[in-house]
Amino acid sequence: MRAVIQRVKQASVKVGGEEISRIGEGLCCLVGVETGDGERDVDYIARKICGLRVFDDEQGVMNLDVGQIKGEILLISQFTLLGDTRRGKRPSYFTAEQPDRASELFEDTVKLVSALHDGKVATGRFQTDMEVHIVNNGPVTILMDSRKIF
């Protein structure tokens, strides 16, 4: 499972021109499910998202997690995170999980993040063309992989 985590001042998702989700200060997380992912991957990514210390403390050091600042979390499924661009110019998505299984694991991730985080947890809409608006704060962008590839 891969994730791109962005510290944001705000973020929102529109589908068909209609806003379906919005958060204020917190984390916008793009999550891709890879073939072979399971509950261990869900647990790893969810706990990392909730525990990631990327918010400034009183000394201006990134030492606080999203819960400590009473921030919000937006989770968006994004299979293109599994795109392989090593050959040719068009990404290959052969390692992305099939939609039914990916949806199940993404929903498990949402449930676990919601259980671990006291604040608001919002989502995009799975397998839908979404317009995502992100005001990155920093910018701070972190890449994660449950298989620890990077």
N, C-alpha and C. Protein backbone atom coordinates (compact mmCIF):
# COMPACT_ATOMS: atom_id res chain seq x y z
N MET A 1 0.86 -1.17 0.00
CA MET A 1 0.00 0.00 0.00
C MET A 1 0.90 1.22 0.00
N ARG A 2 0.57 2.14 -0.84
CA ARG A 2 1.35 3.38 -0.93
C ARG A 2 0.48 4.56 -0.54
N ALA A 3 1.14 5.58 -0.01
CA ALA A 3 0.41 6.79 0.36
C ALA A 3 1.29 8.01 0.14
N VAL A 4 0.66 9.08 -0.29
CA VAL A 4 1.28 10.40 -0.35
C VAL A 4 0.52 11.22 0.69
N ILE A 5 1.26 11.69 1.70
CA ILE A 5 0.67 12.44 2.80
C ILE A 5 1.09 13.89 2.67
N GLN A 6 0.12 14.79 2.66
CA GLN A 6 0.42 16.21 2.55
C GLN A 6 -0.16 16.95 3.75
N ARG A 7 0.69 17.75 4.37
CA ARG A 7 0.21 18.63 5.44
C ARG A 7 -0.49 19.79 4.75
N VAL A 8 -1.75 20.02 5.13
CA VAL A 8 -2.55 21.02 4.43
C VAL A 8 -3.16 22.04 5.37
N LYS A 9 -3.39 23.23 4.81
CA LYS A 9 -4.18 24.25 5.51
C LYS A 9 -5.66 23.94 5.32
N GLN A 10 -5.98 23.38 4.13
CA GLN A 10 -7.34 22.92 3.83
C GLN A 10 -7.27 22.06 2.58
N ALA A 11 -8.29 21.23 2.42
CA ALA A 11 -8.40 20.39 1.23
C ALA A 11 -9.87 20.04 1.02
N SER A 12 -10.23 19.81 -0.24
CA SER A 12 -11.61 19.45 -0.55
C SER A 12 -11.64 18.57 -1.79
N VAL A 13 -12.78 17.88 -1.95
CA VAL A 13 -13.00 17.01 -3.10
C VAL A 13 -14.33 17.36 -3.73
N LYS A 14 -14.32 17.50 -5.06
CA LYS A 14 -15.55 17.69 -5.82
C LYS A 14 -15.72 16.52 -6.77
N VAL A 15 -16.97 16.12 -6.94
CA VAL A 15 -17.34 15.11 -7.93
C VAL A 15 -18.48 15.71 -8.75
N GLY A 16 -18.29 15.78 -10.05
CA GLY A 16 -19.31 16.36 -10.92
C GLY A 16 -19.64 17.81 -10.57
N GLY A 17 -18.62 18.55 -10.10
CA GLY A 17 -18.81 19.95 -9.75
C GLY A 17 -19.38 20.18 -8.35
N GLU A 18 -19.78 19.11 -7.66
CA GLU A 18 -20.35 19.23 -6.32
C GLU A 18 -19.32 18.83 -5.26
N GLU A 19 -19.13 19.70 -4.27
CA GLU A 19 -18.20 19.38 -3.20
C GLU A 19 -18.79 18.28 -2.32
N ILE A 20 -18.00 17.19 -2.14
CA ILE A 20 -18.47 16.07 -1.33
C ILE A 20 -17.73 15.95 -0.01
N SER A 21 -16.54 16.56 0.09
CA SER A 21 -15.74 16.51 1.32
C SER A 21 -14.90 17.75 1.44
N ARG A 22 -14.66 18.15 2.69
CA ARG A 22 -13.79 19.30 2.96
C ARG A 22 -13.18 19.13 4.35
N ILE A 23 -11.90 19.48 4.47
CA ILE A 23 -11.26 19.54 5.78
C ILE A 23 -10.54 20.87 5.91
N GLY A 24 -10.27 21.24 7.15
CA GLY A 24 -9.42 22.38 7.44
C GLY A 24 -8.00 21.88 7.63
N GLU A 25 -7.28 22.47 8.56
CA GLU A 25 -5.89 22.09 8.81
C GLU A 25 -5.79 20.61 9.14
N GLY A 26 -4.81 19.96 8.53
CA GLY A 26 -4.61 18.54 8.80
C GLY A 26 -3.81 17.87 7.73
N LEU A 27 -4.25 16.65 7.36
CA LEU A 27 -3.53 15.83 6.39
C LEU A 27 -4.45 15.41 5.25
N CYS A 28 -3.96 15.56 4.03
CA CYS A 28 -4.63 15.02 2.85
C CYS A 28 -3.80 13.81 2.44
N CYS A 29 -4.43 12.64 2.39
CA CYS A 29 -3.72 11.39 2.14
C CYS A 29 -4.24 10.71 0.90
N LEU A 30 -3.39 10.57 -0.09
CA LEU A 30 -3.71 9.84 -1.31
C LEU A 30 -3.22 8.41 -1.09
N VAL A 31 -4.09 7.43 -1.25
CA VAL A 31 -3.77 6.05 -0.89
C VAL A 31 -3.99 5.13 -2.09
N GLY A 32 -2.96 4.35 -2.41
CA GLY A 32 -3.05 3.37 -3.49
C GLY A 32 -2.88 1.96 -2.94
N VAL A 33 -3.74 1.05 -3.37
CA VAL A 33 -3.71 -0.33 -2.90
C VAL A 33 -3.05 -1.20 -3.96
N GLU A 34 -2.06 -1.97 -3.52
CA GLU A 34 -1.28 -2.82 -4.42
C GLU A 34 -1.75 -4.28 -4.32
N THR A 35 -1.64 -5.01 -5.42
CA THR A 35 -1.96 -6.43 -5.41
C THR A 35 -1.18 -7.11 -4.30
N GLY A 36 -1.88 -7.91 -3.51
CA GLY A 36 -1.23 -8.62 -2.41
C GLY A 36 -1.31 -7.89 -1.08
N ASP A 37 -1.79 -6.65 -1.07
CA ASP A 37 -1.94 -5.93 0.20
C ASP A 37 -3.01 -6.61 1.05
N GLY A 38 -2.88 -6.46 2.36
CA GLY A 38 -3.83 -7.04 3.29
C GLY A 38 -3.96 -6.20 4.54
N GLU A 39 -4.46 -6.81 5.59
CA GLU A 39 -4.72 -6.08 6.83
C GLU A 39 -3.44 -5.52 7.46
N ARG A 40 -2.31 -6.18 7.30
CA ARG A 40 -1.05 -5.64 7.84
C ARG A 40 -0.68 -4.33 7.17
N ASP A 41 -0.93 -4.25 5.87
CA ASP A 41 -0.64 -3.02 5.13
C ASP A 41 -1.59 -1.91 5.57
N VAL A 42 -2.86 -2.24 5.75
CA VAL A 42 -3.85 -1.28 6.24
C VAL A 42 -3.42 -0.74 7.60
N ASP A 43 -3.04 -1.64 8.50
CA ASP A 43 -2.63 -1.25 9.85
C ASP A 43 -1.40 -0.34 9.80
N TYR A 44 -0.42 -0.71 8.99
CA TYR A 44 0.81 0.08 8.87
C TYR A 44 0.51 1.50 8.40
N ILE A 45 -0.23 1.62 7.29
CA ILE A 45 -0.50 2.94 6.72
C ILE A 45 -1.38 3.77 7.64
N ALA A 46 -2.43 3.20 8.21
CA ALA A 46 -3.33 3.95 9.08
C ALA A 46 -2.60 4.48 10.32
N ARG A 47 -1.79 3.63 10.93
CA ARG A 47 -1.06 4.07 12.13
C ARG A 47 0.00 5.11 11.79
N LYS A 48 0.64 4.98 10.65
CA LYS A 48 1.62 5.98 10.23
C LYS A 48 0.96 7.33 9.97
N ILE A 49 -0.19 7.30 9.29
CA ILE A 49 -0.90 8.56 9.02
C ILE A 49 -1.23 9.27 10.33
N CYS A 50 -1.80 8.53 11.27
CA CYS A 50 -2.24 9.14 12.53
C CYS A 50 -1.08 9.55 13.43
N GLY A 51 0.05 8.89 13.30
CA GLY A 51 1.18 9.19 14.18
C GLY A 51 2.27 10.04 13.59
N LEU A 52 2.14 10.39 12.31
CA LEU A 52 3.19 11.15 11.62
C LEU A 52 3.37 12.53 12.23
N ARG A 53 4.56 12.81 12.71
CA ARG A 53 4.83 14.09 13.39
C ARG A 53 5.36 15.10 12.38
N VAL A 54 4.42 15.83 11.75
CA VAL A 54 4.78 16.80 10.73
C VAL A 54 4.23 18.19 11.01
N PHE A 55 3.71 18.40 12.21
CA PHE A 55 3.17 19.70 12.60
C PHE A 55 4.09 20.33 13.64
N ASP A 56 4.23 21.66 13.54
CA ASP A 56 5.18 22.37 14.40
C ASP A 56 4.73 22.43 15.85
N ASP A 57 5.70 22.25 16.75
CA ASP A 57 5.46 22.46 18.17
C ASP A 57 5.74 23.93 18.50
N GLU A 58 5.78 24.28 19.77
CA GLU A 58 5.97 25.68 20.18
C GLU A 58 7.33 26.24 19.76
N GLN A 59 8.31 25.36 19.53
CA GLN A 59 9.64 25.80 19.10
C GLN A 59 9.79 25.81 17.58
N GLY A 60 8.71 25.52 16.87
CA GLY A 60 8.77 25.51 15.41
C GLY A 60 9.37 24.25 14.83
N VAL A 61 9.43 23.18 15.63
CA VAL A 61 9.98 21.91 15.17
C VAL A 61 8.82 20.97 14.83
N MET A 62 8.93 20.27 13.69
CA MET A 62 7.88 19.31 13.33
C MET A 62 7.93 18.15 14.32
N ASN A 63 7.09 18.24 15.35
CA ASN A 63 7.14 17.29 16.45
C ASN A 63 5.75 16.83 16.89
N LEU A 64 4.70 17.31 16.23
CA LEU A 64 3.33 16.99 16.64
C LEU A 64 2.61 16.23 15.54
N ASP A 65 1.72 15.31 15.95
CA ASP A 65 0.92 14.59 14.97
C ASP A 65 -0.43 15.28 14.78
N VAL A 66 -1.21 14.79 13.85
CA VAL A 66 -2.48 15.42 13.49
C VAL A 66 -3.45 15.46 14.66
N GLY A 67 -3.44 14.47 15.51
CA GLY A 67 -4.32 14.46 16.68
C GLY A 67 -3.94 15.52 17.69
N GLN A 68 -2.64 15.73 17.86
CA GLN A 68 -2.16 16.71 18.84
C GLN A 68 -2.53 18.14 18.45
N ILE A 69 -2.71 18.40 17.16
CA ILE A 69 -3.09 19.76 16.76
C ILE A 69 -4.60 19.87 16.52
N LYS A 70 -5.31 18.76 16.83
CA LYS A 70 -6.76 18.69 16.60
C LYS A 70 -7.09 18.94 15.12
N GLY A 71 -6.24 18.35 14.26
CA GLY A 71 -6.41 18.49 12.82
C GLY A 71 -7.38 17.48 12.26
N GLU A 72 -7.61 17.58 10.96
CA GLU A 72 -8.55 16.73 10.25
C GLU A 72 -7.81 15.93 9.18
N ILE A 73 -8.42 14.84 8.73
CA ILE A 73 -7.78 13.95 7.76
C ILE A 73 -8.74 13.72 6.59
N LEU A 74 -8.19 13.86 5.38
CA LEU A 74 -8.92 13.55 4.15
C LEU A 74 -8.21 12.38 3.48
N LEU A 75 -8.92 11.27 3.27
CA LEU A 75 -8.36 10.08 2.63
C LEU A 75 -8.98 9.93 1.24
N ILE A 76 -8.11 9.78 0.24
CA ILE A 76 -8.57 9.67 -1.15
C ILE A 76 -7.88 8.47 -1.80
N SER A 77 -8.67 7.56 -2.32
CA SER A 77 -8.12 6.41 -3.03
C SER A 77 -7.55 6.89 -4.37
N GLN A 78 -6.33 6.40 -4.69
CA GLN A 78 -5.70 6.83 -5.94
C GLN A 78 -4.81 5.71 -6.48
N PHE A 79 -5.38 4.91 -7.37
CA PHE A 79 -4.64 3.77 -7.91
C PHE A 79 -3.41 4.19 -8.70
N THR A 80 -3.38 5.41 -9.21
CA THR A 80 -2.25 5.83 -10.03
C THR A 80 -0.95 5.93 -9.24
N LEU A 81 -1.01 5.85 -7.91
CA LEU A 81 0.21 5.82 -7.10
C LEU A 81 1.03 4.56 -7.39
N LEU A 82 0.36 3.55 -7.96
CA LEU A 82 1.05 2.31 -8.29
C LEU A 82 1.58 2.31 -9.72
N GLY A 83 1.49 3.45 -10.39
CA GLY A 83 1.98 3.54 -11.76
C GLY A 83 3.48 3.30 -11.84
N ASP A 84 3.88 2.45 -12.76
CA ASP A 84 5.28 2.12 -12.99
C ASP A 84 5.71 2.81 -14.28
N THR A 85 6.66 3.71 -14.18
CA THR A 85 7.11 4.49 -15.34
C THR A 85 8.52 4.12 -15.79
N ARG A 86 9.00 2.98 -15.36
CA ARG A 86 10.37 2.60 -15.72
C ARG A 86 10.54 2.27 -17.19
N ARG A 87 9.45 1.87 -17.87
CA ARG A 87 9.54 1.52 -19.29
C ARG A 87 8.58 2.40 -20.06
N GLY A 88 9.04 2.94 -21.14
CA GLY A 88 8.18 3.74 -22.01
C GLY A 88 7.73 5.03 -21.36
N LYS A 89 6.70 5.62 -21.94
CA LYS A 89 6.21 6.92 -21.49
C LYS A 89 4.82 6.86 -20.88
N ARG A 90 4.16 5.70 -20.99
CA ARG A 90 2.84 5.56 -20.41
C ARG A 90 2.95 4.67 -19.18
N PRO A 91 2.48 5.13 -18.02
CA PRO A 91 2.58 4.31 -16.80
C PRO A 91 1.82 2.99 -16.95
N SER A 92 2.36 1.97 -16.33
CA SER A 92 1.70 0.67 -16.25
C SER A 92 1.15 0.52 -14.84
N TYR A 93 -0.06 0.02 -14.73
CA TYR A 93 -0.71 -0.13 -13.43
C TYR A 93 -0.91 -1.60 -13.08
N PHE A 94 -0.04 -2.47 -13.58
CA PHE A 94 -0.22 -3.90 -13.36
C PHE A 94 -0.11 -4.30 -11.90
N THR A 95 0.50 -3.50 -11.05
CA THR A 95 0.60 -3.85 -9.62
C THR A 95 -0.55 -3.29 -8.79
N ALA A 96 -1.41 -2.49 -9.39
CA ALA A 96 -2.57 -1.96 -8.66
C ALA A 96 -3.58 -3.09 -8.44
N GLU A 97 -4.15 -3.11 -7.24
CA GLU A 97 -5.14 -4.14 -6.89
C GLU A 97 -6.43 -3.96 -7.71
N GLN A 98 -7.14 -5.05 -7.91
CA GLN A 98 -8.43 -5.01 -8.60
C GLN A 98 -9.42 -4.16 -7.80
N PRO A 99 -10.33 -3.44 -8.47
CA PRO A 99 -11.20 -2.48 -7.80
C PRO A 99 -11.98 -3.02 -6.59
N ASP A 100 -12.56 -4.22 -6.68
CA ASP A 100 -13.34 -4.73 -5.55
C ASP A 100 -12.49 -4.90 -4.30
N ARG A 101 -11.34 -5.53 -4.45
CA ARG A 101 -10.44 -5.75 -3.30
C ARG A 101 -9.84 -4.42 -2.85
N ALA A 102 -9.47 -3.56 -3.77
CA ALA A 102 -8.90 -2.26 -3.41
C ALA A 102 -9.91 -1.44 -2.61
N SER A 103 -11.17 -1.46 -3.03
CA SER A 103 -12.21 -0.73 -2.31
C SER A 103 -12.35 -1.24 -0.88
N GLU A 104 -12.34 -2.55 -0.72
CA GLU A 104 -12.45 -3.17 0.60
C GLU A 104 -11.30 -2.74 1.51
N LEU A 105 -10.08 -2.79 1.00
CA LEU A 105 -8.92 -2.42 1.81
C LEU A 105 -8.87 -0.91 2.08
N PHE A 106 -9.30 -0.12 1.11
CA PHE A 106 -9.36 1.32 1.34
C PHE A 106 -10.37 1.62 2.44
N GLU A 107 -11.53 1.00 2.38
CA GLU A 107 -12.56 1.21 3.43
C GLU A 107 -12.06 0.75 4.79
N ASP A 108 -11.29 -0.34 4.83
CA ASP A 108 -10.69 -0.79 6.09
C ASP A 108 -9.72 0.26 6.62
N THR A 109 -9.00 0.91 5.72
CA THR A 109 -8.07 1.97 6.11
C THR A 109 -8.85 3.15 6.70
N VAL A 110 -9.93 3.53 6.05
CA VAL A 110 -10.77 4.63 6.54
C VAL A 110 -11.30 4.30 7.94
N LYS A 111 -11.78 3.09 8.12
CA LYS A 111 -12.32 2.67 9.43
C LYS A 111 -11.26 2.72 10.52
N LEU A 112 -10.06 2.24 10.21
CA LEU A 112 -9.00 2.24 11.22
C LEU A 112 -8.53 3.65 11.53
N VAL A 113 -8.35 4.47 10.51
CA VAL A 113 -7.96 5.87 10.75
C VAL A 113 -9.03 6.55 11.61
N SER A 114 -10.29 6.31 11.31
CA SER A 114 -11.39 6.90 12.08
C SER A 114 -11.37 6.43 13.53
N ALA A 115 -11.00 5.18 13.75
CA ALA A 115 -10.92 4.65 15.12
C ALA A 115 -9.73 5.22 15.88
N LEU A 116 -8.64 5.48 15.17
CA LEU A 116 -7.42 5.98 15.82
C LEU A 116 -7.42 7.49 16.02
N HIS A 117 -8.17 8.21 15.20
CA HIS A 117 -8.14 9.68 15.20
C HIS A 117 -9.44 10.23 15.78
N ASP A 118 -9.33 11.10 16.77
CA ASP A 118 -10.50 11.68 17.43
C ASP A 118 -11.21 12.72 16.57
N GLY A 119 -10.51 13.31 15.61
CA GLY A 119 -11.08 14.39 14.82
C GLY A 119 -11.80 13.89 13.58
N LYS A 120 -12.13 14.84 12.74
CA LYS A 120 -12.84 14.57 11.49
C LYS A 120 -11.99 13.74 10.53
N VAL A 121 -12.61 12.73 9.93
CA VAL A 121 -12.00 11.95 8.86
C VAL A 121 -12.98 11.97 7.69
N ALA A 122 -12.54 12.51 6.57
CA ALA A 122 -13.37 12.63 5.37
C ALA A 122 -12.74 11.79 4.25
N THR A 123 -13.53 11.54 3.20
CA THR A 123 -13.01 10.74 2.09
C THR A 123 -13.45 11.33 0.76
N GLY A 124 -12.77 10.85 -0.27
CA GLY A 124 -13.23 11.10 -1.63
C GLY A 124 -14.26 10.03 -1.95
N ARG A 125 -14.48 9.77 -3.23
CA ARG A 125 -15.42 8.74 -3.66
C ARG A 125 -14.66 7.75 -4.53
N PHE A 126 -14.62 6.51 -4.09
CA PHE A 126 -13.85 5.46 -4.75
C PHE A 126 -14.26 5.30 -6.21
N GLN A 127 -13.27 5.11 -7.07
CA GLN A 127 -13.43 4.83 -8.50
C GLN A 127 -14.28 5.88 -9.21
N THR A 128 -14.05 7.13 -8.83
CA THR A 128 -14.77 8.26 -9.42
C THR A 128 -13.76 9.31 -9.85
N ASP A 129 -14.06 10.02 -10.92
CA ASP A 129 -13.24 11.14 -11.35
C ASP A 129 -13.46 12.29 -10.37
N MET A 130 -12.42 12.62 -9.61
CA MET A 130 -12.53 13.63 -8.56
C MET A 130 -11.68 14.84 -8.88
N GLU A 131 -12.12 15.98 -8.42
CA GLU A 131 -11.35 17.22 -8.48
C GLU A 131 -10.91 17.48 -7.04
N VAL A 132 -9.60 17.40 -6.80
CA VAL A 132 -9.07 17.54 -5.44
C VAL A 132 -8.36 18.89 -5.33
N HIS A 133 -8.79 19.67 -4.36
CA HIS A 133 -8.18 20.98 -4.10
C HIS A 133 -7.39 20.88 -2.80
N ILE A 134 -6.09 21.18 -2.91
CA ILE A 134 -5.21 21.05 -1.76
C ILE A 134 -4.43 22.35 -1.58
N VAL A 135 -4.44 22.87 -0.37
CA VAL A 135 -3.57 23.98 -0.02
C VAL A 135 -2.50 23.39 0.87
N ASN A 136 -1.38 22.99 0.24
CA ASN A 136 -0.29 22.34 0.94
C ASN A 136 0.36 23.36 1.87
N ASN A 137 0.65 22.95 3.08
CA ASN A 137 1.23 23.81 4.10
C ASN A 137 2.69 23.45 4.29
N GLY A 138 3.56 24.30 3.83
CA GLY A 138 5.00 24.05 4.01
C GLY A 138 5.81 24.40 2.78
N PRO A 139 5.74 23.65 1.74
CA PRO A 139 4.99 22.41 1.58
C PRO A 139 5.65 21.25 2.32
N VAL A 140 4.82 20.39 2.88
CA VAL A 140 5.28 19.15 3.51
C VAL A 140 4.55 18.01 2.81
N THR A 141 5.31 17.15 2.15
CA THR A 141 4.76 16.00 1.45
C THR A 141 5.64 14.80 1.77
N ILE A 142 5.01 13.73 2.27
CA ILE A 142 5.73 12.52 2.69
C ILE A 142 5.22 11.34 1.87
N LEU A 143 6.14 10.51 1.39
CA LEU A 143 5.80 9.28 0.69
C LEU A 143 5.91 8.10 1.65
N MET A 144 4.93 7.19 1.60
CA MET A 144 4.95 6.00 2.44
C MET A 144 4.68 4.78 1.58
N ASP A 145 5.24 3.66 1.99
CA ASP A 145 4.97 2.39 1.36
C ASP A 145 4.97 1.33 2.44
N SER A 146 3.90 0.57 2.56
CA SER A 146 3.80 -0.43 3.62
C SER A 146 4.82 -1.56 3.43
N ARG A 147 5.35 -1.67 2.24
CA ARG A 147 6.39 -2.67 1.99
C ARG A 147 7.78 -2.05 2.13
N LYS A 148 7.80 -0.80 2.56
CA LYS A 148 9.02 -0.05 2.87
C LYS A 148 10.01 0.02 1.70
N ILE A 149 9.45 0.18 0.49
CA ILE A 149 10.28 0.30 -0.70
C ILE A 149 11.05 1.63 -0.67
N PHE A 150 10.42 2.67 -0.13
CA PHE A 150 11.09 3.96 0.03
C PHE A 150 10.69 4.57 1.33
